[in-house]
Every structure is written in C-alpha cells, then in structure tokens.
Amino acid sequence: MSVKKINVAIAGATGYVGLDLIKLISNHPKVEIKYLCAQKKIGKNIQFFDKRIKKKLPTISSLKKVNWKNVDILFTALPNGETQILAKSLATKELNIIDLSADFRLANASTYKKFYKKKHMAKDLIKKSIYALSEFVKIKIRNYKIIACPGCYP
C-alpha cells in the first residue's frame, strides 16, 4: 500500500538547525524532502555538511529554483527576520510554513520590535500564524498557514 507523502522544502538547510531538522525528518515514512535550500555551496550534497545524514537527498539549491507547486510545507531554519520576508513573498501560494526562527512566535509586531530590535516585515501574516507545540493544539493548528515553533528551551 502506497503512503501519500508530504513534500517539503527546507530553507536554511546547511545551518545548525536545518541540519538537525534534516536528520530528524529524512527517514520519516510520510515525508519526501524535495528541496534543500541555502545561499552558498549550491550543488553540494547534504553529506558535505553533516556526515550523520545517510539518505540520498536532493543537492543544495537556491530558493529561486523551488517549484512551489510541488511543495506542501516549507520549513524555515533561517536567521530571525528572514522568514518574514520569505513568507510575505509566498503568501499567495498554497503552502504551509513551519518556522523554526522567532519571526512568528510573538502575537504582535510591536512586541517583536521590542525584543528583537527590528521592525516586523510581515505584520499582516502574524494573524495567520500560531505559536504552538503541535501535540497541544492538534485540531486548532490546521487553521493556520504558519506554525511558529518554540526554540530550544521548551
């Protein structure tokens, strides 16, 4: 019996968080990693960055090369501030984002500015995001396009 897989892209694939994410989900039976994106080392295999990852995966590519019609979920493991800009540019796509940065963890832009010392660039998307642990909001989480994940502290 064939299992329908969720097609994912990972932005920030070669950073610390991105590599751990890849290691965790690369063997998940319901996940197909379609794109591993970064700004440098385009064309390299993921094993160049982390020898622990054994599965054959797509080579590193630019976000510009992603065919968004073939992606269900975008994981972002980007520095704070970058997911806002990316999410804004992708807002019209049928795509969910799971953000591992702090960009959508706070409920309003002024609080974000207070703590991160920069203006939030996608204020309109804050209301379309939820900051949560999926295990606690399984039903509610389906109503949001952006899921903001807690950091390493929980």
C-alpha atoms as a PDB file:
ATOM      1  CA  MET A   1       0.000   0.000   0.000  1.00  0.00           C
ATOM      2  CA  SER A   2       1.367   3.388  -1.021  1.00  0.00           C
ATOM      3  CA  VAL A   3       1.593   6.112   1.605  1.00  0.00           C
ATOM      4  CA  LYS A   4       0.835   9.698   0.451  1.00  0.00           C
ATOM      5  CA  LYS A   5       3.907  11.685   1.324  1.00  0.00           C
ATOM      6  CA  ILE A   6       4.127  15.315   2.357  1.00  0.00           C
ATOM      7  CA  ASN A   7       6.500  17.156   0.032  1.00  0.00           C
ATOM      8  CA  VAL A   8       8.780  19.557   1.871  1.00  0.00           C
ATOM      9  CA  ALA A   9      11.396  22.182   1.179  1.00  0.00           C
ATOM     10  CA  ILE A  10      13.871  23.327   3.810  1.00  0.00           C
ATOM     11  CA  ALA A  11      15.248  26.876   3.738  1.00  0.00           C
ATOM     12  CA  GLY A  12      18.424  27.242   5.760  1.00  0.00           C
ATOM     13  CA  ALA A  13      19.269  23.592   5.217  1.00  0.00           C
ATOM     14  CA  THR A  14      23.006  23.906   5.862  1.00  0.00           C
ATOM     15  CA  GLY A  15      22.835  25.696   9.213  1.00  0.00           C
ATOM     16  CA  TYR A  16      22.841  24.024  12.620  1.00  0.00           C
ATOM     17  CA  VAL A  17      19.038  23.915  12.982  1.00  0.00           C
ATOM     18  CA  GLY A  18      18.480  22.967   9.344  1.00  0.00           C
ATOM     19  CA  LEU A  19      20.878  20.034   9.542  1.00  0.00           C
ATOM     20  CA  ASP A  20      19.268  18.677  12.705  1.00  0.00           C
ATOM     21  CA  LEU A  21      15.845  19.034  11.082  1.00  0.00           C
ATOM     22  CA  ILE A  22      17.027  17.120   8.011  1.00  0.00           C
ATOM     23  CA  LYS A  23      18.471  14.372  10.178  1.00  0.00           C
ATOM     24  CA  LEU A  24      15.166  14.060  12.058  1.00  0.00           C
ATOM     25  CA  ILE A  25      12.779  14.043   9.106  1.00  0.00           C
ATOM     26  CA  SER A  26      14.846  12.416   6.344  1.00  0.00           C
ATOM     27  CA  ASN A  27      13.742   8.932   7.362  1.00  0.00           C
ATOM     28  CA  HIS A  28      10.132   9.788   8.194  1.00  0.00           C
ATOM     29  CA  PRO A  29       7.894   7.462   6.145  1.00  0.00           C
ATOM     30  CA  LYS A  30       5.402  10.237   5.284  1.00  0.00           C
ATOM     31  CA  VAL A  31       7.902  12.954   4.308  1.00  0.00           C
ATOM     32  CA  GLU A  32       9.571  13.476   0.945  1.00  0.00           C
ATOM     33  CA  ILE A  33      12.296  16.130   1.008  1.00  0.00           C
ATOM     34  CA  LYS A  34      12.083  17.794  -2.397  1.00  0.00           C
ATOM     35  CA  TYR A  35      14.405  20.778  -1.872  1.00  0.00           C
ATOM     36  CA  LEU A  36      17.293  21.642   0.430  1.00  0.00           C
ATOM     37  CA  CYS A  37      17.925  25.364   0.095  1.00  0.00           C
ATOM     38  CA  ALA A  38      20.787  27.614   1.104  1.00  0.00           C
ATOM     39  CA  GLN A  39      22.640  30.643  -0.220  1.00  0.00           C
ATOM     40  CA  LYS A  40      26.074  29.039  -0.501  1.00  0.00           C
ATOM     41  CA  LYS A  41      27.549  25.749  -1.665  1.00  0.00           C
ATOM     42  CA  ILE A  42      24.827  25.300  -4.299  1.00  0.00           C
ATOM     43  CA  GLY A  43      25.041  21.838  -5.873  1.00  0.00           C
ATOM     44  CA  LYS A  44      26.721  20.182  -2.870  1.00  0.00           C
ATOM     45  CA  ASN A  45      25.319  17.038  -1.251  1.00  0.00           C
ATOM     46  CA  ILE A  46      24.000  17.408   2.281  1.00  0.00           C
ATOM     47  CA  GLN A  47      26.649  14.936   3.499  1.00  0.00           C
ATOM     48  CA  PHE A  48      29.238  17.641   2.767  1.00  0.00           C
ATOM     49  CA  PHE A  49      27.755  19.493   5.769  1.00  0.00           C
ATOM     50  CA  ASP A  50      26.744  16.588   8.003  1.00  0.00           C
ATOM     51  CA  LYS A  51      28.067  13.035   7.670  1.00  0.00           C
ATOM     52  CA  ARG A  52      25.334  11.747  10.035  1.00  0.00           C
ATOM     53  CA  ILE A  53      22.747  12.128   7.265  1.00  0.00           C
ATOM     54  CA  LYS A  54      22.908   8.901   5.292  1.00  0.00           C
ATOM     55  CA  LYS A  55      19.881   9.127   2.996  1.00  0.00           C
ATOM     56  CA  LYS A  56      20.304  10.255  -0.593  1.00  0.00           C
ATOM     57  CA  LEU A  57      18.641  13.655  -0.784  1.00  0.00           C
ATOM     58  CA  PRO A  58      18.449  16.496  -3.302  1.00  0.00           C
ATOM     59  CA  THR A  59      21.563  18.626  -3.636  1.00  0.00           C
ATOM     60  CA  ILE A  60      21.638  22.134  -2.178  1.00  0.00           C
ATOM     61  CA  SER A  61      19.774  24.619  -4.347  1.00  0.00           C
ATOM     62  CA  SER A  62      18.655  28.217  -4.247  1.00  0.00           C
ATOM     63  CA  LEU A  63      15.125  29.087  -3.133  1.00  0.00           C
ATOM     64  CA  LYS A  64      14.697  30.579  -6.595  1.00  0.00           C
ATOM     65  CA  LYS A  65      14.855  27.057  -8.056  1.00  0.00           C
ATOM     66  CA  VAL A  66      11.947  25.687  -5.981  1.00  0.00           C
ATOM     67  CA  ASN A  67       8.805  24.725  -7.881  1.00  0.00           C
ATOM     68  CA  TRP A  68       6.299  25.731  -5.176  1.00  0.00           C
ATOM     69  CA  LYS A  69       3.533  23.722  -6.844  1.00  0.00           C
ATOM     70  CA  ASN A  70       5.430  20.580  -5.777  1.00  0.00           C
ATOM     71  CA  VAL A  71       5.792  21.616  -2.116  1.00  0.00           C
ATOM     72  CA  ASP A  72       3.245  21.171   0.683  1.00  0.00           C
ATOM     73  CA  ILE A  73       5.322  22.508   3.575  1.00  0.00           C
ATOM     74  CA  LEU A  74       8.264  24.859   3.774  1.00  0.00           C
ATOM     75  CA  PHE A  75      10.419  24.504   6.874  1.00  0.00           C
ATOM     76  CA  THR A  76      12.403  27.657   7.596  1.00  0.00           C
ATOM     77  CA  ALA A  77      15.571  27.430   9.645  1.00  0.00           C
ATOM     78  CA  LEU A  78      16.664  30.964   8.854  1.00  0.00           C
ATOM     79  CA  PRO A  79      18.079  33.793  10.961  1.00  0.00           C
ATOM     80  CA  ASN A  80      15.458  35.968  12.686  1.00  0.00           C
ATOM     81  CA  GLY A  81      13.921  38.431  10.246  1.00  0.00           C
ATOM     82  CA  GLU A  82      14.387  36.370   7.085  1.00  0.00           C
ATOM     83  CA  THR A  83      11.315  34.131   7.311  1.00  0.00           C
ATOM     84  CA  GLN A  84       9.058  37.212   7.463  1.00  0.00           C
ATOM     85  CA  ILE A  85      10.299  38.402   4.095  1.00  0.00           C
ATOM     86  CA  LEU A  86      10.135  34.937   2.547  1.00  0.00           C
ATOM     87  CA  ALA A  87       6.648  34.239   3.953  1.00  0.00           C
ATOM     88  CA  LYS A  88       5.391  37.539   2.579  1.00  0.00           C
ATOM     89  CA  SER A  89       6.645  36.675  -0.904  1.00  0.00           C
ATOM     90  CA  LEU A  90       4.960  33.245  -0.709  1.00  0.00           C
ATOM     91  CA  ALA A  91       1.661  34.384   0.860  1.00  0.00           C
ATOM     92  CA  THR A  92      -0.384  33.680  -2.271  1.00  0.00           C
ATOM     93  CA  LYS A  93       0.877  30.106  -2.613  1.00  0.00           C
ATOM     94  CA  GLU A  94      -0.971  27.028  -1.341  1.00  0.00           C
ATOM     95  CA  LEU A  95       1.778  26.323   1.110  1.00  0.00           C
ATOM     96  CA  ASN A  96       2.178  25.941   4.845  1.00  0.00           C
ATOM     97  CA  ILE A  97       5.261  27.177   6.655  1.00  0.00           C
ATOM     98  CA  ILE A  98       6.794  25.712   9.774  1.00  0.00           C
ATOM     99  CA  ASP A  99       9.113  28.391  11.101  1.00  0.00           C
ATOM    100  CA  LEU A 100      11.991  27.494  13.390  1.00  0.00           C
ATOM    101  CA  SER A 101      13.095  31.124  13.860  1.00  0.00           C
ATOM    102  CA  ALA A 102      11.469  33.687  16.160  1.00  0.00           C
ATOM    103  CA  ASP A 103       9.697  35.542  13.346  1.00  0.00           C
ATOM    104  CA  PHE A 104       6.148  34.425  14.144  1.00  0.00           C
ATOM    105  CA  ARG A 105       6.435  33.480  17.821  1.00  0.00           C
ATOM    106  CA  LEU A 106       5.028  36.757  19.116  1.00  0.00           C
ATOM    107  CA  ALA A 107       1.414  37.886  18.745  1.00  0.00           C
ATOM    108  CA  ASN A 108       2.117  41.443  17.614  1.00  0.00           C
ATOM    109  CA  ALA A 109       4.698  43.433  15.715  1.00  0.00           C
ATOM    110  CA  SER A 110       5.443  45.948  18.479  1.00  0.00           C
ATOM    111  CA  THR A 111       6.418  43.194  20.901  1.00  0.00           C
ATOM    112  CA  TYR A 112       8.624  41.682  18.204  1.00  0.00           C
ATOM    113  CA  LYS A 113      10.358  45.030  17.699  1.00  0.00           C
ATOM    114  CA  LYS A 114      10.834  45.451  21.457  1.00  0.00           C
ATOM    115  CA  PHE A 115      12.594  42.110  21.863  1.00  0.00           C
ATOM    116  CA  TYR A 116      14.376  41.686  18.524  1.00  0.00           C
ATOM    117  CA  LYS A 117      15.208  45.361  17.849  1.00  0.00           C
ATOM    118  CA  LYS A 118      13.893  45.246  14.287  1.00  0.00           C
ATOM    119  CA  LYS A 119      10.644  46.038  12.566  1.00  0.00           C
ATOM    120  CA  HIS A 120       8.433  43.061  11.676  1.00  0.00           C
ATOM    121  CA  MET A 121       8.192  42.964   7.873  1.00  0.00           C
ATOM    122  CA  ALA A 122       5.060  40.777   7.590  1.00  0.00           C
ATOM    123  CA  LYS A 123       2.624  42.174  10.163  1.00  0.00           C
ATOM    124  CA  ASP A 124      -0.378  41.002   8.146  1.00  0.00           C
ATOM    125  CA  LEU A 125       0.804  37.366   8.408  1.00  0.00           C
ATOM    126  CA  ILE A 126       1.045  37.359  12.204  1.00  0.00           C
ATOM    127  CA  LYS A 127      -2.718  36.727  12.428  1.00  0.00           C
ATOM    128  CA  LYS A 128      -2.279  33.762  10.067  1.00  0.00           C
ATOM    129  CA  SER A 129       0.314  32.192  12.336  1.00  0.00           C
ATOM    130  CA  ILE A 130       0.200  30.205  15.549  1.00  0.00           C
ATOM    131  CA  TYR A 131       2.959  29.705  18.090  1.00  0.00           C
ATOM    132  CA  ALA A 132       2.469  26.241  19.439  1.00  0.00           C
ATOM    133  CA  LEU A 133       3.573  22.744  20.140  1.00  0.00           C
ATOM    134  CA  SER A 134       1.513  20.624  17.758  1.00  0.00           C
ATOM    135  CA  GLU A 135       0.825  17.977  20.381  1.00  0.00           C
ATOM    136  CA  PHE A 136      -1.201  20.506  22.381  1.00  0.00           C
ATOM    137  CA  VAL A 137      -3.231  22.068  19.549  1.00  0.00           C
ATOM    138  CA  LYS A 138      -3.718  19.248  17.022  1.00  0.00           C
ATOM    139  CA  ILE A 139      -7.104  20.435  15.731  1.00  0.00           C
ATOM    140  CA  LYS A 140      -6.612  24.206  16.034  1.00  0.00           C
ATOM    141  CA  ILE A 141      -3.265  24.161  14.213  1.00  0.00           C
ATOM    142  CA  ARG A 142      -4.956  23.191  10.926  1.00  0.00           C
ATOM    143  CA  ASN A 143      -6.446  26.692  10.654  1.00  0.00           C
ATOM    144  CA  TYR A 144      -3.068  28.420  10.272  1.00  0.00           C
ATOM    145  CA  LYS A 145      -0.699  28.789   7.316  1.00  0.00           C
ATOM    146  CA  ILE A 146       2.324  29.495   9.507  1.00  0.00           C
ATOM    147  CA  ILE A 147       3.305  27.447  12.537  1.00  0.00           C
ATOM    148  CA  ALA A 148       5.915  29.072  14.743  1.00  0.00           C
ATOM    149  CA  CYS A 149       7.917  26.545  16.716  1.00  0.00           C
ATOM    150  CA  PRO A 150       9.363  27.111  20.151  1.00  0.00           C
ATOM    151  CA  GLY A 151      13.114  27.435  20.340  1.00  0.00           C
ATOM    152  CA  CYS A 152      15.492  25.047  22.049  1.00  0.00           C
ATOM    153  CA  TYR A 153      14.324  25.988  25.554  1.00  0.00           C
ATOM    154  CA  PRO A 154      10.999  24.023  25.928  1.00  0.00           C
END
